[in-house]
Amino acid sequence: DDPRKLAAIERMCPNWKENIQLAQVQTDPDDLNNALQNVQKAKTDLENMKEKILQAFFDRHQTLKLYEKSLQSSINRLSGNENEDDGL
């Protein structure tokens, strides 16, 4: 129902309707279970990837904040504003 979700699905898999139809006409339970396990593993892998990406983003952000504060402290020192709180 959500247009954003549908757009995301269509970007990732333009043939999604055909894939759904194919799954609905399958008659071999083993094939269906294998397909389900593959989808579930892919979802787990995606969640793990998301966590790693978010951690890398956070780490980089914190490092950049530290560098920024250090540089600002040096600028303040050179400009005679040594009493300004540099937040380090």
N, C-alpha and C. Protein backbone atom coordinates (compact mmCIF):
# COMPACT_ATOMS: atom_id res chain seq x y z
N ASP A 1 0.81 -1.21 0.00
CA ASP A 1 0.00 0.00 0.00
C ASP A 1 0.85 1.27 0.00
N ASP A 2 2.04 1.17 0.60
CA ASP A 2 2.93 2.33 0.70
C ASP A 2 3.69 2.50 -0.61
N PRO A 3 3.53 3.64 -1.28
CA PRO A 3 4.21 3.85 -2.56
C PRO A 3 5.73 3.80 -2.46
N ARG A 4 6.29 4.22 -1.32
CA ARG A 4 7.74 4.16 -1.14
C ARG A 4 8.24 2.72 -1.07
N LYS A 5 7.47 1.86 -0.40
CA LYS A 5 7.86 0.45 -0.32
C LYS A 5 7.79 -0.20 -1.69
N LEU A 6 6.73 0.10 -2.42
CA LEU A 6 6.58 -0.46 -3.76
C LEU A 6 7.70 0.01 -4.68
N ALA A 7 8.07 1.28 -4.58
CA ALA A 7 9.15 1.81 -5.40
C ALA A 7 10.47 1.12 -5.06
N ALA A 8 10.70 0.88 -3.78
CA ALA A 8 11.92 0.19 -3.35
C ALA A 8 11.96 -1.23 -3.90
N ILE A 9 10.84 -1.92 -3.83
CA ILE A 9 10.76 -3.29 -4.35
C ILE A 9 11.01 -3.31 -5.85
N GLU A 10 10.42 -2.37 -6.55
CA GLU A 10 10.59 -2.32 -8.00
C GLU A 10 12.02 -1.98 -8.40
N ARG A 11 12.70 -1.16 -7.59
CA ARG A 11 14.11 -0.85 -7.88
C ARG A 11 14.99 -2.08 -7.70
N MET A 12 14.71 -2.84 -6.66
CA MET A 12 15.54 -4.00 -6.36
C MET A 12 15.20 -5.20 -7.23
N CYS A 13 13.96 -5.33 -7.60
CA CYS A 13 13.53 -6.50 -8.37
C CYS A 13 12.36 -6.14 -9.27
N PRO A 14 12.68 -5.68 -10.47
CA PRO A 14 11.60 -5.26 -11.38
C PRO A 14 10.61 -6.40 -11.69
N ASN A 15 11.05 -7.64 -11.59
CA ASN A 15 10.19 -8.79 -11.89
C ASN A 15 9.57 -9.40 -10.63
N TRP A 16 9.37 -8.59 -9.63
CA TRP A 16 8.89 -9.13 -8.36
C TRP A 16 7.53 -9.81 -8.48
N LYS A 17 6.65 -9.30 -9.33
CA LYS A 17 5.32 -9.91 -9.46
C LYS A 17 5.43 -11.33 -9.99
N GLU A 18 6.30 -11.51 -10.99
CA GLU A 18 6.49 -12.84 -11.55
C GLU A 18 7.09 -13.79 -10.51
N ASN A 19 8.01 -13.27 -9.70
CA ASN A 19 8.60 -14.10 -8.66
C ASN A 19 7.56 -14.54 -7.63
N ILE A 20 6.66 -13.64 -7.27
CA ILE A 20 5.60 -13.98 -6.32
C ILE A 20 4.67 -15.02 -6.93
N GLN A 21 4.31 -14.81 -8.18
CA GLN A 21 3.42 -15.77 -8.85
C GLN A 21 4.07 -17.14 -8.94
N LEU A 22 5.36 -17.18 -9.25
CA LEU A 22 6.06 -18.45 -9.33
C LEU A 22 6.05 -19.17 -7.98
N ALA A 23 6.30 -18.42 -6.92
CA ALA A 23 6.28 -19.02 -5.58
C ALA A 23 4.90 -19.58 -5.24
N GLN A 24 3.86 -18.91 -5.70
CA GLN A 24 2.49 -19.35 -5.38
C GLN A 24 2.08 -20.62 -6.11
N VAL A 25 2.73 -20.92 -7.22
CA VAL A 25 2.35 -22.13 -7.97
C VAL A 25 3.28 -23.31 -7.70
N GLN A 26 4.29 -23.12 -6.85
CA GLN A 26 5.20 -24.21 -6.51
C GLN A 26 4.44 -25.30 -5.76
N THR A 27 4.82 -26.53 -6.03
CA THR A 27 4.14 -27.65 -5.38
C THR A 27 5.09 -28.49 -4.54
N ASP A 28 6.39 -28.26 -4.65
CA ASP A 28 7.36 -29.04 -3.90
C ASP A 28 7.68 -28.32 -2.59
N PRO A 29 7.27 -28.91 -1.46
CA PRO A 29 7.50 -28.26 -0.17
C PRO A 29 9.00 -28.06 0.13
N ASP A 30 9.85 -28.96 -0.35
CA ASP A 30 11.28 -28.81 -0.11
C ASP A 30 11.82 -27.57 -0.83
N ASP A 31 11.37 -27.37 -2.06
CA ASP A 31 11.79 -26.18 -2.80
C ASP A 31 11.34 -24.91 -2.10
N LEU A 32 10.11 -24.93 -1.62
CA LEU A 32 9.58 -23.75 -0.92
C LEU A 32 10.34 -23.49 0.38
N ASN A 33 10.62 -24.56 1.13
CA ASN A 33 11.37 -24.39 2.38
C ASN A 33 12.78 -23.89 2.13
N ASN A 34 13.43 -24.40 1.09
CA ASN A 34 14.77 -23.92 0.75
C ASN A 34 14.74 -22.46 0.36
N ALA A 35 13.75 -22.08 -0.43
CA ALA A 35 13.62 -20.69 -0.85
C ALA A 35 13.38 -19.79 0.36
N LEU A 36 12.52 -20.24 1.27
CA LEU A 36 12.24 -19.47 2.48
C LEU A 36 13.50 -19.31 3.33
N GLN A 37 14.26 -20.38 3.48
CA GLN A 37 15.50 -20.30 4.26
C GLN A 37 16.49 -19.33 3.60
N ASN A 38 16.55 -19.33 2.28
CA ASN A 38 17.44 -18.40 1.58
C ASN A 38 17.02 -16.95 1.81
N VAL A 39 15.73 -16.70 1.79
CA VAL A 39 15.23 -15.34 2.02
C VAL A 39 15.51 -14.93 3.47
N GLN A 40 15.27 -15.82 4.40
CA GLN A 40 15.52 -15.49 5.80
C GLN A 40 17.00 -15.23 6.07
N LYS A 41 17.87 -16.01 5.45
CA LYS A 41 19.31 -15.79 5.60
C LYS A 41 19.71 -14.45 5.00
N ALA A 42 19.14 -14.12 3.85
CA ALA A 42 19.44 -12.83 3.21
C ALA A 42 19.00 -11.67 4.10
N LYS A 43 17.85 -11.81 4.77
CA LYS A 43 17.39 -10.77 5.68
C LYS A 43 18.34 -10.61 6.86
N THR A 44 18.80 -11.73 7.41
CA THR A 44 19.74 -11.70 8.52
C THR A 44 21.05 -11.05 8.10
N ASP A 45 21.54 -11.45 6.93
CA ASP A 45 22.78 -10.85 6.41
C ASP A 45 22.62 -9.35 6.22
N LEU A 46 21.47 -8.92 5.73
CA LEU A 46 21.22 -7.50 5.52
C LEU A 46 21.20 -6.74 6.84
N GLU A 47 20.58 -7.32 7.86
CA GLU A 47 20.57 -6.68 9.18
C GLU A 47 21.98 -6.55 9.74
N ASN A 48 22.78 -7.60 9.57
CA ASN A 48 24.17 -7.55 10.04
C ASN A 48 24.95 -6.47 9.30
N MET A 49 24.73 -6.37 8.00
CA MET A 49 25.39 -5.35 7.20
C MET A 49 24.97 -3.96 7.66
N LYS A 50 23.69 -3.80 7.95
CA LYS A 50 23.17 -2.51 8.42
C LYS A 50 23.86 -2.10 9.72
N GLU A 51 24.01 -3.03 10.64
CA GLU A 51 24.65 -2.72 11.92
C GLU A 51 26.10 -2.31 11.71
N LYS A 52 26.80 -3.01 10.82
CA LYS A 52 28.20 -2.66 10.55
C LYS A 52 28.31 -1.28 9.91
N ILE A 53 27.40 -0.97 9.00
CA ILE A 53 27.41 0.34 8.34
C ILE A 53 27.11 1.44 9.36
N LEU A 54 26.13 1.22 10.21
CA LEU A 54 25.79 2.22 11.22
C LEU A 54 26.95 2.43 12.20
N GLN A 55 27.63 1.35 12.58
CA GLN A 55 28.77 1.47 13.49
C GLN A 55 29.89 2.23 12.82
N ALA A 56 30.16 1.93 11.56
CA ALA A 56 31.21 2.64 10.82
C ALA A 56 30.87 4.12 10.70
N PHE A 57 29.61 4.44 10.44
CA PHE A 57 29.17 5.83 10.35
C PHE A 57 29.39 6.54 11.69
N PHE A 58 28.97 5.91 12.77
CA PHE A 58 29.12 6.50 14.10
C PHE A 58 30.60 6.72 14.42
N ASP A 59 31.42 5.70 14.16
CA ASP A 59 32.86 5.82 14.44
C ASP A 59 33.47 6.97 13.66
N ARG A 60 33.16 7.07 12.39
CA ARG A 60 33.71 8.13 11.55
C ARG A 60 33.23 9.50 12.04
N HIS A 61 31.96 9.59 12.39
CA HIS A 61 31.40 10.85 12.88
C HIS A 61 32.11 11.30 14.15
N GLN A 62 32.34 10.38 15.07
CA GLN A 62 33.00 10.73 16.32
C GLN A 62 34.43 11.17 16.07
N THR A 63 35.13 10.50 15.16
CA THR A 63 36.50 10.86 14.82
C THR A 63 36.56 12.25 14.20
N LEU A 64 35.64 12.54 13.29
CA LEU A 64 35.61 13.86 12.66
C LEU A 64 35.31 14.96 13.68
N LYS A 65 34.42 14.67 14.63
CA LYS A 65 34.13 15.65 15.67
C LYS A 65 35.37 15.95 16.50
N LEU A 66 36.12 14.91 16.82
CA LEU A 66 37.35 15.10 17.59
C LEU A 66 38.35 15.94 16.81
N TYR A 67 38.55 15.61 15.53
CA TYR A 67 39.47 16.40 14.69
C TYR A 67 39.02 17.85 14.60
N GLU A 68 37.73 18.05 14.43
CA GLU A 68 37.20 19.41 14.32
C GLU A 68 37.48 20.19 15.60
N LYS A 69 37.24 19.59 16.76
CA LYS A 69 37.48 20.28 18.03
C LYS A 69 38.96 20.57 18.22
N SER A 70 39.80 19.63 17.83
CA SER A 70 41.25 19.84 17.95
C SER A 70 41.70 21.00 17.06
N LEU A 71 41.24 21.02 15.84
CA LEU A 71 41.61 22.11 14.93
C LEU A 71 41.08 23.45 15.42
N GLN A 72 39.85 23.46 15.91
CA GLN A 72 39.28 24.71 16.42
C GLN A 72 40.07 25.19 17.63
N SER A 73 40.51 24.28 18.46
CA SER A 73 41.33 24.65 19.62
C SER A 73 42.63 25.29 19.18
N SER A 74 43.25 24.73 18.16
CA SER A 74 44.49 25.32 17.64
C SER A 74 44.25 26.70 17.05
N ILE A 75 43.16 26.85 16.31
CA ILE A 75 42.81 28.16 15.74
C ILE A 75 42.58 29.17 16.85
N ASN A 76 41.84 28.76 17.88
CA ASN A 76 41.57 29.66 19.02
C ASN A 76 42.87 30.07 19.70
N ARG A 77 43.77 29.12 19.88
CA ARG A 77 45.06 29.40 20.52
C ARG A 77 45.85 30.41 19.70
N LEU A 78 45.90 30.20 18.39
CA LEU A 78 46.67 31.09 17.52
C LEU A 78 46.05 32.48 17.42
N SER A 79 44.74 32.56 17.55
CA SER A 79 44.08 33.86 17.44
C SER A 79 43.98 34.57 18.78
N GLY A 80 44.53 33.98 19.82
CA GLY A 80 44.53 34.63 21.13
C GLY A 80 43.27 34.36 21.94
N ASN A 81 42.45 33.43 21.51
CA ASN A 81 41.20 33.09 22.23
C ASN A 81 41.37 31.79 23.00
N GLU A 82 42.47 31.67 23.72
CA GLU A 82 42.78 30.42 24.41
C GLU A 82 41.76 30.09 25.50
N ASN A 83 41.02 31.05 25.97
CA ASN A 83 40.07 30.81 27.05
C ASN A 83 38.75 30.24 26.57
N GLU A 84 38.54 30.19 25.25
CA GLU A 84 37.29 29.62 24.74
C GLU A 84 37.27 28.13 25.01
N ASP A 85 36.11 27.62 25.36
CA ASP A 85 35.94 26.20 25.62
C ASP A 85 36.01 25.45 24.30
N ASP A 86 37.02 24.60 24.16
CA ASP A 86 37.15 23.85 22.91
C ASP A 86 36.42 22.52 22.95
N GLY A 87 35.88 22.13 24.08
CA GLY A 87 35.06 20.92 24.16
C GLY A 87 35.84 19.64 24.12
N LEU A 88 37.16 19.67 24.26
CA LEU A 88 37.95 18.43 24.23
C LEU A 88 37.87 17.68 25.52
